[in-house]
Amino acid sequence: MAKINVLLVDDHSVVRMGFKMLIENESDMAVICEAESGELGITAFKEHKPSIVIMDITMPGMGGLDAIERIIAFDKKAKILVLSAHEDSVHPKRALSAGALGYLTKRSAAEELIKAIRSVNSGTKYLEPVIAQQMAITQISGENNPVEILSDREFEVFMDLAKGKSTNEIANTMCLSPRTVGTHLYNIKQKLNANNSAEIALIAIRCGLLEP
């Protein structure tokens, strides 16, 4: 049986090391490459052609959502499993829309990760049960989340603003110019009818994206 070759994309080396140990404990799996950013993840994918990519969402520079879209644009058959700290229903929906096949939170048990890897590698979508339930409830209730109208980059800027980061801090983290971040901020305010960062944070809390 061919091994499942894994590319790990996460900006925390300790996190990557932990997941690598879990994955390589399985006889049919191997981590063939690691990357600490979305940009490096794309480069590694093109160079090593892994069976599956395990992708974080929130990283310095290019975020995971942008990286997923670019990998899928390069290879529409790419199999991507998102492993994120975000436990809301908005991030999984965006990840799946970008082209990911699965979504798992970092709180998941080790066996859940292995199960998700096998599922996504076989081409089957995988959602952590709690996340799947949240998404189903949101869909059934018919509630429209206001942040859904934001682009992926606007959404990333929105989350950083909601956490209290300044325009310059966001620019440095995302490797953008302050002017570009300012443009995103203007668009976010217009789309969400928000006047300032406090109102942006309140919207994030109401959407379940931040703890009150």
C-alpha atoms as a PDB file:
ATOM      1  CA  MET A   1       0.000   0.000   0.000  1.00  0.00           C
ATOM      2  CA  ALA A   2       1.343   3.432  -0.963  1.00  0.00           C
ATOM      3  CA  LYS A   3       2.112   5.738   1.917  1.00  0.00           C
ATOM      4  CA  ILE A   4       0.047   8.853   2.585  1.00  0.00           C
ATOM      5  CA  ASN A   5       2.616  11.620   2.171  1.00  0.00           C
ATOM      6  CA  VAL A   6       1.744  14.683   4.229  1.00  0.00           C
ATOM      7  CA  LEU A   7       2.709  18.354   3.935  1.00  0.00           C
ATOM      8  CA  LEU A   8       2.294  20.196   7.259  1.00  0.00           C
ATOM      9  CA  VAL A   9       1.673  23.951   7.029  1.00  0.00           C
ATOM     10  CA  ASP A  10       1.635  25.735  10.407  1.00  0.00           C
ATOM     11  CA  ASP A  11       3.605  28.700  11.718  1.00  0.00           C
ATOM     12  CA  HIS A  12       4.301  27.080  15.101  1.00  0.00           C
ATOM     13  CA  SER A  13       7.216  24.630  15.009  1.00  0.00           C
ATOM     14  CA  VAL A  14       6.155  22.936  18.264  1.00  0.00           C
ATOM     15  CA  VAL A  15       2.672  22.315  16.846  1.00  0.00           C
ATOM     16  CA  ARG A  16       4.153  20.850  13.669  1.00  0.00           C
ATOM     17  CA  MET A  17       6.446  18.618  15.707  1.00  0.00           C
ATOM     18  CA  GLY A  18       3.521  17.287  17.753  1.00  0.00           C
ATOM     19  CA  PHE A  19       1.387  16.536  14.712  1.00  0.00           C
ATOM     20  CA  LYS A  20       4.336  14.985  12.909  1.00  0.00           C
ATOM     21  CA  MET A  21       4.873  12.557  15.790  1.00  0.00           C
ATOM     22  CA  LEU A  22       1.187  11.563  15.750  1.00  0.00           C
ATOM     23  CA  ILE A  23       1.125  11.084  11.991  1.00  0.00           C
ATOM     24  CA  GLU A  24       4.383   9.134  11.719  1.00  0.00           C
ATOM     25  CA  ASN A  25       3.194   6.793  14.442  1.00  0.00           C
ATOM     26  CA  GLU A  26       1.015   5.328  11.682  1.00  0.00           C
ATOM     27  CA  SER A  27       2.844   2.841   9.461  1.00  0.00           C
ATOM     28  CA  ASP A  28       1.157   4.058   6.270  1.00  0.00           C
ATOM     29  CA  MET A  29       1.772   7.799   6.788  1.00  0.00           C
ATOM     30  CA  ALA A  30       4.807  10.078   6.510  1.00  0.00           C
ATOM     31  CA  VAL A  31       5.389  13.824   6.821  1.00  0.00           C
ATOM     32  CA  ILE A  32       7.540  14.587   3.784  1.00  0.00           C
ATOM     33  CA  CYS A  33       7.695  18.360   4.184  1.00  0.00           C
ATOM     34  CA  GLU A  34       6.825  21.209   6.546  1.00  0.00           C
ATOM     35  CA  ALA A  35       6.134  24.903   5.945  1.00  0.00           C
ATOM     36  CA  GLU A  36       5.639  27.817   8.323  1.00  0.00           C
ATOM     37  CA  SER A  37       3.555  30.081   6.074  1.00  0.00           C
ATOM     38  CA  GLY A  38       1.013  29.994   3.282  1.00  0.00           C
ATOM     39  CA  GLU A  39       3.593  31.149   0.742  1.00  0.00           C
ATOM     40  CA  LEU A  40       6.077  28.418   1.691  1.00  0.00           C
ATOM     41  CA  GLY A  41       3.239  25.904   1.786  1.00  0.00           C
ATOM     42  CA  ILE A  42       2.382  26.617  -1.853  1.00  0.00           C
ATOM     43  CA  THR A  43       6.037  26.296  -2.875  1.00  0.00           C
ATOM     44  CA  ALA A  44       6.388  23.023  -0.959  1.00  0.00           C
ATOM     45  CA  PHE A  45       3.216  21.635  -2.519  1.00  0.00           C
ATOM     46  CA  LYS A  46       4.470  22.330  -6.044  1.00  0.00           C
ATOM     47  CA  GLU A  47       7.883  20.840  -5.281  1.00  0.00           C
ATOM     48  CA  HIS A  48       6.958  17.732  -3.264  1.00  0.00           C
ATOM     49  CA  LYS A  49       3.429  16.922  -4.563  1.00  0.00           C
ATOM     50  CA  PRO A  50       2.144  15.442  -1.272  1.00  0.00           C
ATOM     51  CA  SER A  51      -0.860  13.127  -1.007  1.00  0.00           C
ATOM     52  CA  ILE A  52      -2.497  15.542   1.416  1.00  0.00           C
ATOM     53  CA  VAL A  53      -1.891  19.015   2.859  1.00  0.00           C
ATOM     54  CA  ILE A  54      -2.668  19.787   6.493  1.00  0.00           C
ATOM     55  CA  MET A  55      -3.174  23.537   6.628  1.00  0.00           C
ATOM     56  CA  ASP A  56      -3.524  26.040   9.461  1.00  0.00           C
ATOM     57  CA  ILE A  57      -5.647  29.123   8.744  1.00  0.00           C
ATOM     58  CA  THR A  58      -4.159  31.949  10.792  1.00  0.00           C
ATOM     59  CA  MET A  59      -0.508  32.502   9.900  1.00  0.00           C
ATOM     60  CA  PRO A  60       1.767  35.497   9.279  1.00  0.00           C
ATOM     61  CA  GLY A  61       1.888  36.651   5.673  1.00  0.00           C
ATOM     62  CA  MET A  62      -0.529  34.789   3.430  1.00  0.00           C
ATOM     63  CA  GLY A  63      -3.282  33.159   5.472  1.00  0.00           C
ATOM     64  CA  GLY A  64      -4.444  29.590   5.038  1.00  0.00           C
ATOM     65  CA  LEU A  65      -7.576  30.509   3.077  1.00  0.00           C
ATOM     66  CA  ASP A  66      -5.566  32.290   0.368  1.00  0.00           C
ATOM     67  CA  ALA A  67      -3.057  29.433   0.306  1.00  0.00           C
ATOM     68  CA  ILE A  68      -5.828  26.852  -0.142  1.00  0.00           C
ATOM     69  CA  GLU A  69      -7.290  28.765  -3.096  1.00  0.00           C
ATOM     70  CA  ARG A  70      -3.883  29.064  -4.784  1.00  0.00           C
ATOM     71  CA  ILE A  71      -3.035  25.405  -4.292  1.00  0.00           C
ATOM     72  CA  ILE A  72      -6.418  24.375  -5.717  1.00  0.00           C
ATOM     73  CA  ALA A  73      -5.898  26.766  -8.645  1.00  0.00           C
ATOM     74  CA  PHE A  74      -2.568  25.025  -9.317  1.00  0.00           C
ATOM     75  CA  ASP A  75      -3.974  21.512  -8.840  1.00  0.00           C
ATOM     76  CA  LYS A  76      -7.750  21.119  -8.618  1.00  0.00           C
ATOM     77  CA  LYS A  77      -7.276  17.544  -7.323  1.00  0.00           C
ATOM     78  CA  ALA A  78      -5.257  18.704  -4.282  1.00  0.00           C
ATOM     79  CA  LYS A  79      -6.503  17.233  -1.000  1.00  0.00           C
ATOM     80  CA  ILE A  80      -6.402  19.716   1.860  1.00  0.00           C
ATOM     81  CA  LEU A  81      -7.369  19.195   5.485  1.00  0.00           C
ATOM     82  CA  VAL A  82      -7.610  22.333   7.629  1.00  0.00           C
ATOM     83  CA  LEU A  83      -6.389  21.956  11.198  1.00  0.00           C
ATOM     84  CA  SER A  84      -7.269  25.163  13.025  1.00  0.00           C
ATOM     85  CA  ALA A  85      -7.769  26.663  16.470  1.00  0.00           C
ATOM     86  CA  HIS A  86     -11.015  28.301  15.275  1.00  0.00           C
ATOM     87  CA  GLU A  87     -14.066  26.438  16.571  1.00  0.00           C
ATOM     88  CA  ASP A  88     -16.843  28.559  15.048  1.00  0.00           C
ATOM     89  CA  SER A  89     -18.912  27.700  11.954  1.00  0.00           C
ATOM     90  CA  VAL A  90     -17.660  30.611   9.801  1.00  0.00           C
ATOM     91  CA  HIS A  91     -14.032  29.497   9.338  1.00  0.00           C
ATOM     92  CA  PRO A  92     -14.946  25.922   8.270  1.00  0.00           C
ATOM     93  CA  LYS A  93     -17.457  27.230   5.744  1.00  0.00           C
ATOM     94  CA  ARG A  94     -14.837  29.549   4.244  1.00  0.00           C
ATOM     95  CA  ALA A  95     -12.216  26.787   4.192  1.00  0.00           C
ATOM     96  CA  LEU A  96     -14.534  24.390   2.361  1.00  0.00           C
ATOM     97  CA  SER A  97     -15.565  27.126  -0.061  1.00  0.00           C
ATOM     98  CA  ALA A  98     -11.878  27.782  -0.790  1.00  0.00           C
ATOM     99  CA  GLY A  99     -11.429  24.127  -1.745  1.00  0.00           C
ATOM    100  CA  ALA A 100     -10.487  22.240   1.430  1.00  0.00           C
ATOM    101  CA  LEU A 101     -11.940  18.740   1.817  1.00  0.00           C
ATOM    102  CA  GLY A 102     -11.893  18.654   5.599  1.00  0.00           C
ATOM    103  CA  TYR A 103     -11.874  20.764   8.754  1.00  0.00           C
ATOM    104  CA  LEU A 104     -10.657  19.765  12.195  1.00  0.00           C
ATOM    105  CA  THR A 105      -9.939  21.803  15.328  1.00  0.00           C
ATOM    106  CA  LYS A 106      -6.652  21.521  17.184  1.00  0.00           C
ATOM    107  CA  ARG A 107      -8.511  20.360  20.279  1.00  0.00           C
ATOM    108  CA  SER A 108      -9.457  17.130  18.531  1.00  0.00           C
ATOM    109  CA  ALA A 109      -8.217  13.800  19.824  1.00  0.00           C
ATOM    110  CA  ALA A 110      -5.248  12.191  18.085  1.00  0.00           C
ATOM    111  CA  GLU A 111      -7.391   9.412  16.608  1.00  0.00           C
ATOM    112  CA  GLU A 112      -9.704  12.054  15.123  1.00  0.00           C
ATOM    113  CA  LEU A 113      -6.788  13.548  13.188  1.00  0.00           C
ATOM    114  CA  ILE A 114      -5.768  10.167  11.786  1.00  0.00           C
ATOM    115  CA  LYS A 115      -9.376   9.423  10.847  1.00  0.00           C
ATOM    116  CA  ALA A 116      -9.657  12.808   9.086  1.00  0.00           C
ATOM    117  CA  ILE A 117      -6.399  12.265   7.162  1.00  0.00           C
ATOM    118  CA  ARG A 118      -7.556   8.867   5.882  1.00  0.00           C
ATOM    119  CA  SER A 119     -10.949  10.277   4.911  1.00  0.00           C
ATOM    120  CA  VAL A 120      -9.606  13.313   3.039  1.00  0.00           C
ATOM    121  CA  ASN A 121      -6.885  11.231   1.379  1.00  0.00           C
ATOM    122  CA  SER A 122      -9.604   8.960  -0.013  1.00  0.00           C
ATOM    123  CA  GLY A 123     -11.331  12.031  -1.471  1.00  0.00           C
ATOM    124  CA  THR A 124     -14.134  12.096   1.104  1.00  0.00           C
ATOM    125  CA  LYS A 125     -15.078  15.303   2.908  1.00  0.00           C
ATOM    126  CA  TYR A 126     -14.513  15.292   6.647  1.00  0.00           C
ATOM    127  CA  LEU A 127     -15.884  17.652   9.269  1.00  0.00           C
ATOM    128  CA  GLU A 128     -15.314  17.340  12.976  1.00  0.00           C
ATOM    129  CA  PRO A 129     -18.731  16.271  14.396  1.00  0.00           C
ATOM    130  CA  VAL A 130     -19.143  19.343  16.622  1.00  0.00           C
ATOM    131  CA  ILE A 131     -18.280  21.676  13.740  1.00  0.00           C
ATOM    132  CA  ALA A 132     -20.620  19.813  11.387  1.00  0.00           C
ATOM    133  CA  GLN A 133     -23.428  20.182  13.933  1.00  0.00           C
ATOM    134  CA  GLN A 134     -22.804  23.927  14.290  1.00  0.00           C
ATOM    135  CA  MET A 135     -22.848  24.409  10.532  1.00  0.00           C
ATOM    136  CA  ALA A 136     -26.044  22.363  10.185  1.00  0.00           C
ATOM    137  CA  ILE A 137     -27.806  24.383  12.894  1.00  0.00           C
ATOM    138  CA  THR A 138     -26.781  27.638  11.227  1.00  0.00           C
ATOM    139  CA  GLN A 139     -28.049  26.395   7.867  1.00  0.00           C
ATOM    140  CA  ILE A 140     -31.348  25.126   9.254  1.00  0.00           C
ATOM    141  CA  SER A 141     -31.985  28.349  11.175  1.00  0.00           C
ATOM    142  CA  GLY A 142     -31.540  30.302   7.959  1.00  0.00           C
ATOM    143  CA  GLU A 143     -29.440  32.916   9.732  1.00  0.00           C
ATOM    144  CA  ASN A 144     -27.214  34.958   7.457  1.00  0.00           C
ATOM    145  CA  ASN A 145     -23.862  35.736   9.026  1.00  0.00           C
ATOM    146  CA  PRO A 146     -22.961  39.346   8.175  1.00  0.00           C
ATOM    147  CA  VAL A 147     -19.253  38.560   7.722  1.00  0.00           C
ATOM    148  CA  GLU A 148     -20.002  36.201   4.822  1.00  0.00           C
ATOM    149  CA  ILE A 149     -20.019  39.173   2.441  1.00  0.00           C
ATOM    150  CA  LEU A 150     -16.337  39.860   3.189  1.00  0.00           C
ATOM    151  CA  SER A 151     -13.630  38.571   0.857  1.00  0.00           C
ATOM    152  CA  ASP A 152     -11.108  36.124   2.355  1.00  0.00           C
ATOM    153  CA  ARG A 153      -8.491  38.856   2.793  1.00  0.00           C
ATOM    154  CA  GLU A 154     -11.060  41.262   4.265  1.00  0.00           C
ATOM    155  CA  PHE A 155     -12.145  38.512   6.638  1.00  0.00           C
ATOM    156  CA  GLU A 156      -8.558  37.999   7.835  1.00  0.00           C
ATOM    157  CA  VAL A 157      -8.150  41.753   8.390  1.00  0.00           C
ATOM    158  CA  PHE A 158     -11.546  41.829  10.120  1.00  0.00           C
ATOM    159  CA  MET A 159     -10.459  39.129  12.583  1.00  0.00           C
ATOM    160  CA  ASP A 160      -7.214  40.944  13.425  1.00  0.00           C
ATOM    161  CA  LEU A 161      -9.050  44.243  13.887  1.00  0.00           C
ATOM    162  CA  ALA A 162     -11.570  42.519  16.149  1.00  0.00           C
ATOM    163  CA  LYS A 163      -8.682  41.260  18.278  1.00  0.00           C
ATOM    164  CA  GLY A 164      -7.503  44.845  18.744  1.00  0.00           C
ATOM    165  CA  LYS A 165      -4.557  44.912  16.348  1.00  0.00           C
ATOM    166  CA  SER A 166      -3.603  48.218  14.730  1.00  0.00           C
ATOM    167  CA  THR A 167      -3.399  48.847  10.990  1.00  0.00           C
ATOM    168  CA  ASN A 168       0.423  48.832  11.149  1.00  0.00           C
ATOM    169  CA  GLU A 169       0.498  45.577  13.142  1.00  0.00           C
ATOM    170  CA  ILE A 170      -1.787  43.907  10.605  1.00  0.00           C
ATOM    171  CA  ALA A 171       0.300  45.248   7.733  1.00  0.00           C
ATOM    172  CA  ASN A 172       3.477  43.787   9.258  1.00  0.00           C
ATOM    173  CA  THR A 173       1.863  40.419  10.006  1.00  0.00           C
ATOM    174  CA  MET A 174       0.296  40.033   6.566  1.00  0.00           C
ATOM    175  CA  CYS A 175       3.230  41.535   4.676  1.00  0.00           C
ATOM    176  CA  LEU A 176       0.982  44.256   3.235  1.00  0.00           C
ATOM    177  CA  SER A 177       1.353  48.020   3.089  1.00  0.00           C
ATOM    178  CA  PRO A 178      -0.570  50.037   5.725  1.00  0.00           C
ATOM    179  CA  ARG A 179      -2.363  51.718   2.826  1.00  0.00           C
ATOM    180  CA  THR A 180      -3.641  48.358   1.545  1.00  0.00           C
ATOM    181  CA  VAL A 181      -4.811  47.395   5.023  1.00  0.00           C
ATOM    182  CA  GLY A 182      -6.499  50.809   5.278  1.00  0.00           C
ATOM    183  CA  THR A 183      -8.384  50.073   2.054  1.00  0.00           C
ATOM    184  CA  HIS A 184      -9.521  46.724   3.456  1.00  0.00           C
ATOM    185  CA  LEU A 185     -10.597  48.463   6.666  1.00  0.00           C
ATOM    186  CA  TYR A 186     -12.652  50.988   4.691  1.00  0.00           C
ATOM    187  CA  ASN A 187     -14.363  48.198   2.731  1.00  0.00           C
ATOM    188  CA  ILE A 188     -15.054  46.215   5.910  1.00  0.00           C
ATOM    189  CA  LYS A 189     -16.672  49.219   7.585  1.00  0.00           C
ATOM    190  CA  GLN A 190     -18.793  49.887   4.520  1.00  0.00           C
ATOM    191  CA  LYS A 191     -19.941  46.288   4.145  1.00  0.00           C
ATOM    192  CA  LEU A 192     -20.680  45.737   7.830  1.00  0.00           C
ATOM    193  CA  ASN A 193     -21.940  49.254   8.562  1.00  0.00           C
ATOM    194  CA  ALA A 194     -19.358  49.596  11.349  1.00  0.00           C
ATOM    195  CA  ASN A 195     -17.897  52.922  12.416  1.00  0.00           C
ATOM    196  CA  ASN A 196     -14.848  51.815  14.402  1.00  0.00           C
ATOM    197  CA  SER A 197     -12.824  48.892  15.747  1.00  0.00           C
ATOM    198  CA  ALA A 198     -15.048  48.541  18.810  1.00  0.00           C
ATOM    199  CA  GLU A 199     -18.077  47.920  16.604  1.00  0.00           C
ATOM    200  CA  ILE A 200     -16.055  45.459  14.510  1.00  0.00           C
ATOM    201  CA  ALA A 201     -15.153  43.547  17.685  1.00  0.00           C
ATOM    202  CA  LEU A 202     -18.806  43.514  18.737  1.00  0.00           C
ATOM    203  CA  ILE A 203     -19.824  42.042  15.364  1.00  0.00           C
ATOM    204  CA  ALA A 204     -17.163  39.339  15.769  1.00  0.00           C
ATOM    205  CA  ILE A 205     -18.497  38.463  19.240  1.00  0.00           C
ATOM    206  CA  ARG A 206     -22.096  38.319  17.980  1.00  0.00           C
ATOM    207  CA  CYS A 207     -21.006  35.998  15.173  1.00  0.00           C
ATOM    208  CA  GLY A 208     -19.309  33.682  17.663  1.00  0.00           C
ATOM    209  CA  LEU A 209     -15.848  34.463  16.298  1.00  0.00           C
ATOM    210  CA  LEU A 210     -14.523  35.967  19.539  1.00  0.00           C
ATOM    211  CA  GLU A 211     -15.125  35.256  23.200  1.00  0.00           C
ATOM    212  CA  PRO A 212     -17.032  38.149  24.870  1.00  0.00           C
END
